[in-house]
Amino acid sequence: MKIIWAHIFILLYVTAMLRPVMPLANYLINQDYIAEFLCINKDKPELECNGKCYLTKQLKEISEEKEKNLPAIAMEDYPIGIMTFTLFEISQDTKAILQTNFQYTNNYRYSYLNLVFHPPSFNS
């Protein structure tokens, strides 16, 4: 029984993850139909839209729906464990310290040796 519930939840998760991709898959499968009947720019063939305007409209609707359904969450209202959210104000002195120029020194040196390592020879 646990395996059945696990498979159901996995199926629901995969379905939720693939939902934003469904208009793209629908466009790829039905591209000819969309270009011929559902295209917004049918009267302007010089744009060579081929239904991409319809795809853009569908993707925009999904993103707007996603934004509309998400509630705003204030993280200050939900402390996590022992952590608390504090706001730090940076004073003018701290800004001056942060804006100081640090001089970069390049201490890296490359020494090229044209020696080839040979293992010790075995003399019998």
Protein backbone atom coordinates (compact mmCIF):
# COMPACT_ATOMS: atom_id res chain seq x y z
CA MET A 1 0.00 0.00 0.00
CA LYS A 2 2.89 2.35 0.78
CA ILE A 3 4.36 1.73 -2.65
CA ILE A 4 1.08 2.68 -4.32
CA TRP A 5 0.93 5.96 -2.37
CA ALA A 6 4.57 6.65 -3.21
CA HIS A 7 3.86 6.16 -6.92
CA ILE A 8 0.78 8.40 -6.73
CA PHE A 9 2.76 11.19 -5.07
CA ILE A 10 5.60 10.84 -7.57
CA LEU A 11 3.10 11.04 -10.42
CA LEU A 12 1.52 14.16 -8.91
CA TYR A 13 4.95 15.74 -8.43
CA VAL A 14 6.04 15.03 -12.00
CA THR A 15 2.72 16.36 -13.31
CA ALA A 16 3.15 19.58 -11.33
CA MET A 17 6.72 20.00 -12.58
CA LEU A 18 5.76 19.41 -16.22
CA ARG A 19 2.76 21.75 -16.18
CA PRO A 20 4.74 24.85 -17.29
CA VAL A 21 6.24 22.84 -20.17
CA MET A 22 2.90 21.57 -21.49
CA PRO A 23 2.17 24.57 -23.78
CA LEU A 24 5.57 24.11 -25.39
CA ALA A 25 4.94 20.39 -25.93
CA ASN A 26 1.46 21.18 -27.28
CA TYR A 27 3.00 23.72 -29.68
CA LEU A 28 5.60 21.25 -30.91
CA ILE A 29 3.01 18.52 -31.47
CA ASN A 30 0.32 20.70 -33.06
CA GLN A 31 2.50 23.34 -34.73
CA ASP A 32 0.79 23.12 -38.13
CA TYR A 33 -2.72 23.40 -36.66
CA ILE A 34 -1.74 26.32 -34.42
CA ALA A 35 -0.05 28.16 -37.29
CA GLU A 36 -3.05 27.69 -39.56
CA PHE A 37 -6.02 28.27 -37.24
CA LEU A 38 -4.97 29.73 -33.87
CA CYS A 39 -2.20 32.13 -34.91
CA ILE A 40 -2.90 35.74 -34.02
CA ASN A 41 -0.84 37.12 -36.93
CA LYS A 42 -2.47 35.14 -39.77
CA ASP A 43 -3.10 38.34 -41.71
CA LYS A 44 0.64 39.27 -41.57
CA PRO A 45 2.53 36.41 -43.27
CA GLU A 46 5.68 38.53 -43.61
CA LEU A 47 6.28 38.09 -39.85
CA GLU A 48 6.68 34.31 -40.33
CA CYS A 49 5.23 33.78 -36.87
CA ASN A 50 4.08 30.19 -37.47
CA GLY A 51 2.09 30.18 -34.23
CA LYS A 52 4.85 31.45 -31.94
CA CYS A 53 2.59 34.35 -31.00
CA TYR A 54 0.03 31.85 -29.69
CA LEU A 55 2.77 30.02 -27.75
CA THR A 56 3.96 33.29 -26.22
CA LYS A 57 0.40 34.13 -25.19
CA GLN A 58 -0.05 30.72 -23.54
CA LEU A 59 3.27 30.95 -21.66
CA LYS A 60 2.40 34.46 -20.46
CA GLU A 61 -0.97 33.24 -19.16
CA ILE A 62 0.70 30.44 -17.20
CA SER A 63 3.27 32.79 -15.64
CA GLU A 64 0.56 35.31 -14.70
CA GLU A 65 -1.55 32.53 -13.19
CA LYS A 66 1.43 31.33 -11.18
CA GLU A 67 2.13 34.85 -9.87
CA LYS A 68 -1.53 35.42 -9.04
CA ASN A 69 -1.84 32.21 -7.01
CA LEU A 70 1.28 32.70 -4.89
CA PRO A 71 0.70 34.46 -1.59
CA ALA A 72 3.26 36.93 -0.31
CA ILE A 73 5.22 35.47 2.59
CA ALA A 74 7.01 37.68 5.08
CA MET A 75 9.94 35.68 6.42
CA GLU A 76 10.05 37.85 9.55
CA ASP A 77 6.78 36.25 10.65
CA TYR A 78 8.20 32.73 10.43
CA PRO A 79 11.40 32.35 12.46
CA ILE A 80 13.40 29.28 11.62
CA GLY A 81 14.69 27.48 14.70
CA ILE A 82 16.95 29.70 16.77
CA MET A 83 17.64 32.05 13.87
CA THR A 84 16.06 35.47 13.86
CA PHE A 85 16.01 37.95 11.03
CA THR A 86 17.69 41.20 11.87
CA LEU A 87 18.19 44.26 9.75
CA PHE A 88 21.65 45.73 9.69
CA GLU A 89 22.12 49.37 8.91
CA ILE A 90 25.47 50.30 7.42
CA SER A 91 26.87 53.53 8.77
CA GLN A 92 28.95 55.99 6.77
CA ASP A 93 32.13 54.81 8.50
CA THR A 94 31.45 51.22 7.48
CA LYS A 95 30.77 52.30 3.90
CA ALA A 96 34.11 54.11 3.83
CA ILE A 97 35.90 50.99 5.08
CA LEU A 98 34.16 48.82 2.50
CA GLN A 99 35.12 51.19 -0.32
CA THR A 100 38.85 51.30 0.45
CA ASN A 101 41.11 50.20 -2.33
CA PHE A 102 43.12 47.08 -1.71
CA GLN A 103 46.26 46.60 -3.71
CA TYR A 104 46.55 43.26 -5.43
CA THR A 105 49.95 41.64 -5.48
CA ASN A 106 50.69 38.78 -7.76
CA ASN A 107 53.04 36.45 -5.91
CA TYR A 108 52.68 33.63 -8.42
CA ARG A 109 55.80 32.52 -10.24
CA TYR A 110 56.10 29.86 -12.86
CA SER A 111 59.35 28.04 -13.18
CA TYR A 112 59.56 25.92 -16.31
CA LEU A 113 61.95 22.98 -16.08
CA ASN A 114 62.58 20.97 -19.19
CA LEU A 115 63.54 17.86 -17.29
CA VAL A 116 61.91 14.56 -18.03
CA PHE A 117 61.46 12.17 -15.16
CA HIS A 118 62.93 8.75 -15.78
CA PRO A 119 62.39 5.90 -13.36
CA PRO A 120 65.50 4.28 -11.92
CA SER A 121 67.10 1.71 -14.14
CA PHE A 122 67.46 -1.87 -13.02
CA ASN A 123 70.90 -3.39 -13.56
CA SER A 124 71.28 -7.09 -12.99
